[in-house]
N, C-alpha and C. Protein backbone atom coordinates (compact mmCIF):
# COMPACT_ATOMS: atom_id res chain seq x y z
N MET A 1 -41.72 -110.56 72.00
CA MET A 1 -41.79 -109.64 70.79
C MET A 1 -41.85 -110.75 69.32
N ILE A 2 -42.73 -110.01 68.61
CA ILE A 2 -42.81 -110.87 67.68
C ILE A 2 -42.54 -109.68 66.13
N ARG A 3 -41.98 -110.38 65.03
CA ARG A 3 -41.80 -110.05 63.92
C ARG A 3 -42.36 -109.88 62.76
N HIS A 4 -43.24 -109.38 62.19
CA HIS A 4 -44.01 -108.98 61.29
C HIS A 4 -43.44 -108.64 59.99
N VAL A 5 -43.01 -109.14 58.75
CA VAL A 5 -42.41 -109.40 58.08
C VAL A 5 -43.16 -109.47 56.74
N LEU A 6 -43.52 -108.06 55.60
CA LEU A 6 -44.25 -108.42 54.76
C LEU A 6 -43.09 -107.99 53.23
N PHE A 7 -43.43 -109.01 52.57
CA PHE A 7 -42.78 -108.70 51.17
C PHE A 7 -43.81 -108.36 50.44
N ILE A 8 -43.50 -107.47 49.26
CA ILE A 8 -44.76 -106.70 48.81
C ILE A 8 -44.79 -106.31 46.99
N GLN A 9 -45.18 -106.62 46.36
CA GLN A 9 -45.33 -106.87 45.24
C GLN A 9 -46.43 -105.77 44.44
N TYR A 10 -46.32 -104.43 44.33
CA TYR A 10 -47.33 -103.90 43.64
C TYR A 10 -47.78 -104.09 42.35
N LYS A 11 -48.96 -103.71 41.89
CA LYS A 11 -49.63 -103.51 40.58
C LYS A 11 -48.81 -102.75 39.43
N GLU A 12 -48.22 -103.11 38.11
CA GLU A 12 -47.29 -102.69 37.35
C GLU A 12 -48.16 -100.99 37.05
N GLN A 13 -49.22 -100.71 36.93
CA GLN A 13 -49.57 -99.42 36.98
C GLN A 13 -49.69 -98.52 38.24
N ALA A 14 -49.69 -99.40 39.64
CA ALA A 14 -49.18 -98.55 40.57
C ALA A 14 -48.25 -97.16 40.54
N SER A 15 -49.40 -96.08 40.86
CA SER A 15 -47.93 -94.90 40.79
C SER A 15 -47.15 -94.96 41.96
N GLU A 16 -46.14 -93.72 41.24
CA GLU A 16 -45.39 -93.65 42.56
C GLU A 16 -45.69 -93.03 43.97
N ALA A 17 -46.71 -92.29 43.72
CA ALA A 17 -47.16 -91.62 44.99
C ALA A 17 -48.30 -92.22 45.56
N ASP A 18 -49.10 -93.66 44.90
CA ASP A 18 -49.44 -94.26 45.38
C ASP A 18 -48.56 -95.43 46.78
N ILE A 19 -47.73 -95.73 45.96
CA ILE A 19 -47.01 -96.39 46.72
C ILE A 19 -46.24 -95.66 47.86
N ALA A 20 -45.98 -94.54 47.88
CA ALA A 20 -45.34 -93.38 49.00
C ALA A 20 -46.65 -93.59 49.97
N THR A 21 -47.42 -93.30 49.92
CA THR A 21 -48.59 -92.96 50.30
C THR A 21 -48.81 -94.54 51.40
N SER A 22 -48.52 -95.65 50.55
CA SER A 22 -48.60 -96.67 51.06
C SER A 22 -47.92 -96.89 52.37
N LEU A 23 -46.22 -96.42 52.10
CA LEU A 23 -45.15 -96.54 52.96
C LEU A 23 -45.09 -95.88 53.86
N ALA A 24 -45.89 -94.50 53.70
CA ALA A 24 -46.58 -93.62 55.06
C ALA A 24 -47.31 -94.22 55.79
N ASN A 25 -48.17 -94.55 55.36
CA ASN A 25 -48.87 -95.24 56.17
C ASN A 25 -48.75 -96.73 57.23
N PHE A 26 -47.55 -96.97 56.56
CA PHE A 26 -47.44 -98.20 57.34
C PHE A 26 -46.39 -97.30 58.43
N GLU A 27 -45.87 -96.61 58.08
CA GLU A 27 -44.64 -95.79 59.40
C GLU A 27 -45.55 -95.09 60.24
N ALA A 28 -46.53 -94.48 59.68
CA ALA A 28 -47.68 -94.06 60.65
C ALA A 28 -48.28 -94.74 61.79
N ILE A 29 -48.91 -95.81 61.11
CA ILE A 29 -49.59 -96.75 62.08
C ILE A 29 -48.70 -96.88 63.23
N LYS A 30 -47.44 -96.83 63.57
CA LYS A 30 -46.93 -97.30 64.84
C LYS A 30 -47.52 -96.06 65.95
N SER A 31 -47.54 -94.72 65.52
CA SER A 31 -48.01 -94.23 66.48
C SER A 31 -49.85 -94.68 66.68
N LYS A 32 -50.32 -95.20 66.22
CA LYS A 32 -52.12 -95.12 66.09
C LYS A 32 -52.22 -96.55 66.74
N ILE A 33 -51.65 -97.35 66.81
CA ILE A 33 -51.77 -98.54 67.35
C ILE A 33 -50.90 -99.17 68.76
N ALA A 34 -51.01 -99.68 69.87
CA ALA A 34 -50.69 -99.75 71.05
C ALA A 34 -49.96 -101.10 70.51
N GLY A 35 -48.53 -101.38 71.19
CA GLY A 35 -47.94 -102.29 71.31
C GLY A 35 -47.26 -102.42 69.90
N ILE A 36 -47.21 -101.79 69.16
CA ILE A 36 -45.90 -101.84 67.75
C ILE A 36 -44.57 -101.00 68.14
N GLU A 37 -43.78 -101.65 68.09
CA GLU A 37 -42.15 -101.28 68.73
C GLU A 37 -41.68 -100.76 67.73
N SER A 38 -41.62 -100.95 66.36
CA SER A 38 -41.35 -100.15 65.29
C SER A 38 -41.83 -101.04 63.75
N VAL A 39 -41.33 -99.99 63.19
CA VAL A 39 -41.97 -100.10 61.77
C VAL A 39 -40.95 -99.47 61.02
N GLU A 40 -40.38 -100.18 59.53
CA GLU A 40 -39.30 -99.75 58.82
C GLU A 40 -39.81 -100.22 57.76
N TRP A 41 -39.22 -99.77 56.48
CA TRP A 41 -39.41 -100.44 55.25
C TRP A 41 -37.88 -100.16 54.46
N GLY A 42 -38.32 -100.96 53.22
CA GLY A 42 -36.91 -100.78 52.51
C GLY A 42 -37.43 -101.45 50.57
N LEU A 43 -36.72 -100.78 49.68
CA LEU A 43 -37.10 -101.02 48.60
C LEU A 43 -35.35 -102.07 48.06
N ASN A 44 -36.20 -103.04 47.68
CA ASN A 44 -35.03 -104.54 47.24
C ASN A 44 -33.86 -103.56 46.34
N ASN A 45 -32.58 -104.23 46.73
CA ASN A 45 -31.58 -103.68 46.12
C ASN A 45 -30.26 -105.15 45.96
N SER A 46 -30.87 -106.38 46.34
CA SER A 46 -30.17 -107.43 45.77
C SER A 46 -30.14 -107.35 44.53
N PRO A 47 -28.44 -107.71 44.15
CA PRO A 47 -28.24 -107.98 42.92
C PRO A 47 -28.51 -109.30 42.47
N GLU A 48 -28.91 -110.23 43.27
CA GLU A 48 -28.98 -111.83 43.69
C GLU A 48 -30.58 -112.05 42.05
N GLY A 49 -31.05 -111.02 42.30
CA GLY A 49 -32.46 -111.07 41.02
C GLY A 49 -33.36 -112.88 41.62
N ARG A 50 -33.29 -113.11 42.85
CA ARG A 50 -34.00 -113.76 43.50
C ARG A 50 -35.44 -113.05 44.41
N ASN A 51 -35.98 -111.43 43.69
CA ASN A 51 -37.26 -111.43 44.76
C ASN A 51 -38.33 -111.55 44.26
N LYS A 52 -38.51 -112.52 43.23
CA LYS A 52 -39.45 -112.95 42.02
C LYS A 52 -40.54 -111.72 42.12
N ASP A 53 -40.05 -110.73 41.96
CA ASP A 53 -41.60 -109.45 41.63
C ASP A 53 -41.80 -108.87 42.63
N TYR A 54 -41.23 -109.19 43.74
CA TYR A 54 -41.47 -108.67 45.35
C TYR A 54 -40.29 -107.39 45.25
N THR A 55 -40.80 -106.14 45.70
CA THR A 55 -40.17 -104.70 44.81
C THR A 55 -39.72 -104.25 46.52
N HIS A 56 -40.88 -104.15 47.91
CA HIS A 56 -40.36 -103.75 49.00
C HIS A 56 -40.61 -104.89 50.14
N CYS A 57 -40.43 -104.26 51.02
CA CYS A 57 -40.23 -105.06 52.51
C CYS A 57 -40.68 -104.25 53.44
N VAL A 58 -41.90 -104.85 54.34
CA VAL A 58 -41.92 -103.72 55.40
C VAL A 58 -41.94 -104.79 56.71
N PHE A 59 -41.01 -103.96 57.69
CA PHE A 59 -40.37 -105.23 58.68
C PHE A 59 -40.91 -104.27 59.80
N MET A 60 -41.73 -104.92 60.74
CA MET A 60 -42.58 -104.46 61.86
C MET A 60 -42.14 -105.27 62.73
N THR A 61 -41.96 -104.78 64.37
CA THR A 61 -42.14 -105.49 65.85
C THR A 61 -42.82 -104.84 66.80
N PHE A 62 -43.61 -106.39 67.03
CA PHE A 62 -44.97 -105.96 68.04
C PHE A 62 -44.32 -106.58 69.69
N ALA A 63 -44.60 -105.68 70.41
CA ALA A 63 -44.28 -106.31 71.92
C ALA A 63 -44.36 -107.72 72.05
N ASP A 64 -45.77 -108.28 71.54
CA ASP A 64 -46.04 -109.61 71.73
C ASP A 64 -46.82 -110.02 71.13
N GLU A 65 -47.55 -111.25 71.18
CA GLU A 65 -48.33 -111.81 70.28
C GLU A 65 -49.66 -111.02 70.30
N ALA A 66 -50.03 -111.20 71.42
CA ALA A 66 -51.15 -109.99 72.21
C ALA A 66 -51.19 -108.95 71.16
N SER A 67 -50.41 -108.12 71.09
CA SER A 67 -50.13 -106.66 70.24
C SER A 67 -50.39 -107.25 68.87
N ARG A 68 -49.61 -108.00 68.16
CA ARG A 68 -49.86 -108.56 66.95
C ARG A 68 -51.47 -108.53 66.57
N ASP A 69 -52.00 -109.82 67.35
CA ASP A 69 -53.09 -110.26 67.45
C ASP A 69 -54.25 -109.28 67.48
N ALA A 70 -53.79 -107.56 68.18
CA ALA A 70 -55.11 -107.03 67.96
C ALA A 70 -54.92 -106.05 67.24
N TYR A 71 -53.84 -106.26 66.72
CA TYR A 71 -53.17 -105.20 64.92
C TYR A 71 -54.13 -105.68 63.76
N ILE A 72 -54.26 -107.28 63.66
CA ILE A 72 -54.96 -107.48 62.87
C ILE A 72 -56.42 -106.64 62.61
N PRO A 73 -57.01 -107.11 63.36
CA PRO A 73 -58.44 -106.56 62.83
C PRO A 73 -58.83 -105.03 63.23
N HIS A 74 -57.60 -104.35 63.73
CA HIS A 74 -57.61 -103.08 64.52
C HIS A 74 -58.02 -102.17 63.09
N PRO A 75 -59.31 -101.23 63.40
CA PRO A 75 -59.58 -100.12 62.45
C PRO A 75 -58.65 -99.48 61.07
N GLU A 76 -57.44 -99.10 61.97
CA GLU A 76 -56.42 -98.48 61.41
C GLU A 76 -55.48 -99.50 60.63
N HIS A 77 -55.85 -100.52 60.97
CA HIS A 77 -54.99 -101.61 59.79
C HIS A 77 -55.61 -101.95 58.63
N GLU A 78 -57.39 -101.66 58.95
CA GLU A 78 -58.12 -102.32 57.94
C GLU A 78 -58.22 -100.99 56.75
N GLU A 79 -57.86 -99.86 57.34
CA GLU A 79 -58.05 -98.71 56.45
C GLU A 79 -56.41 -98.52 55.67
N LEU A 80 -55.39 -99.00 56.69
CA LEU A 80 -54.15 -99.30 55.60
C LEU A 80 -54.41 -100.11 54.64
N LYS A 81 -54.91 -101.39 54.51
CA LYS A 81 -55.53 -102.21 53.77
C LYS A 81 -56.23 -102.17 52.84
N ALA A 82 -56.99 -101.11 53.45
CA ALA A 82 -58.35 -100.63 51.90
C ALA A 82 -57.48 -99.73 51.11
N GLN A 83 -56.70 -98.94 51.38
CA GLN A 83 -55.52 -98.02 50.85
C GLN A 83 -54.29 -98.78 50.03
N LEU A 84 -54.11 -99.83 50.14
CA LEU A 84 -52.90 -100.79 49.60
C LEU A 84 -54.18 -101.89 48.58
N GLY A 85 -55.02 -102.34 48.90
CA GLY A 85 -55.76 -103.26 48.28
C GLY A 85 -55.21 -102.86 46.40
N PRO A 86 -56.29 -101.82 46.07
CA PRO A 86 -55.98 -101.21 45.01
C PRO A 86 -54.82 -101.20 43.79
N ILE A 87 -53.70 -101.15 44.87
CA ILE A 87 -52.00 -101.20 44.14
C ILE A 87 -51.50 -102.02 44.41
N LEU A 88 -52.07 -103.43 45.28
CA LEU A 88 -51.22 -104.84 45.36
C LEU A 88 -51.33 -105.66 44.70
N GLU A 89 -50.32 -106.37 44.41
CA GLU A 89 -50.53 -107.33 42.67
C GLU A 89 -50.60 -108.70 43.79
N ASP A 90 -49.14 -108.63 45.44
CA ASP A 90 -49.42 -110.04 46.03
C ASP A 90 -48.70 -109.57 47.07
N ILE A 91 -48.87 -110.07 48.28
CA ILE A 91 -48.43 -110.11 49.50
C ILE A 91 -47.84 -111.10 49.64
N ILE A 92 -46.64 -111.23 51.01
CA ILE A 92 -46.42 -112.42 51.64
C ILE A 92 -45.94 -111.87 52.94
N VAL A 93 -46.69 -112.33 53.98
CA VAL A 93 -46.63 -112.41 55.46
C VAL A 93 -46.01 -113.46 56.10
N PHE A 94 -44.96 -112.64 56.59
CA PHE A 94 -44.21 -113.90 57.83
C PHE A 94 -44.05 -113.31 58.91
N ASP A 95 -44.57 -113.91 60.33
CA ASP A 95 -44.18 -113.74 61.41
C ASP A 95 -43.44 -114.61 61.84
N TYR A 96 -42.65 -114.03 63.23
CA TYR A 96 -42.01 -114.92 63.79
C TYR A 96 -41.60 -114.38 65.30
N ALA A 97 -41.32 -115.08 66.23
CA ALA A 97 -41.51 -115.09 67.63
C ALA A 97 -39.92 -114.49 67.80
N ILE A 98 -39.33 -113.61 68.62
CA ILE A 98 -38.04 -113.49 69.07
C ILE A 98 -37.90 -113.18 70.95
């Protein structure tokens, strides 16, 4: 299995509706691309103040590396990125095998 972790920093001018749409798109992609085992997201609530302005995390689990590798160029992923792009300030992507 592969964990695919995204730390997201939205632009200040991103509306709550646009952010909600992007997170819903992440949730919906599981039913559109084979090999995605789970998708969850959360809003940072750490009291430590060390999130460096990254406010959201998306946590995806893929069945294997091949599934993750097929996801990256997939048209549904490209559509998700197109919606996210205009409201995205920065993103960190971190993958690891379990």
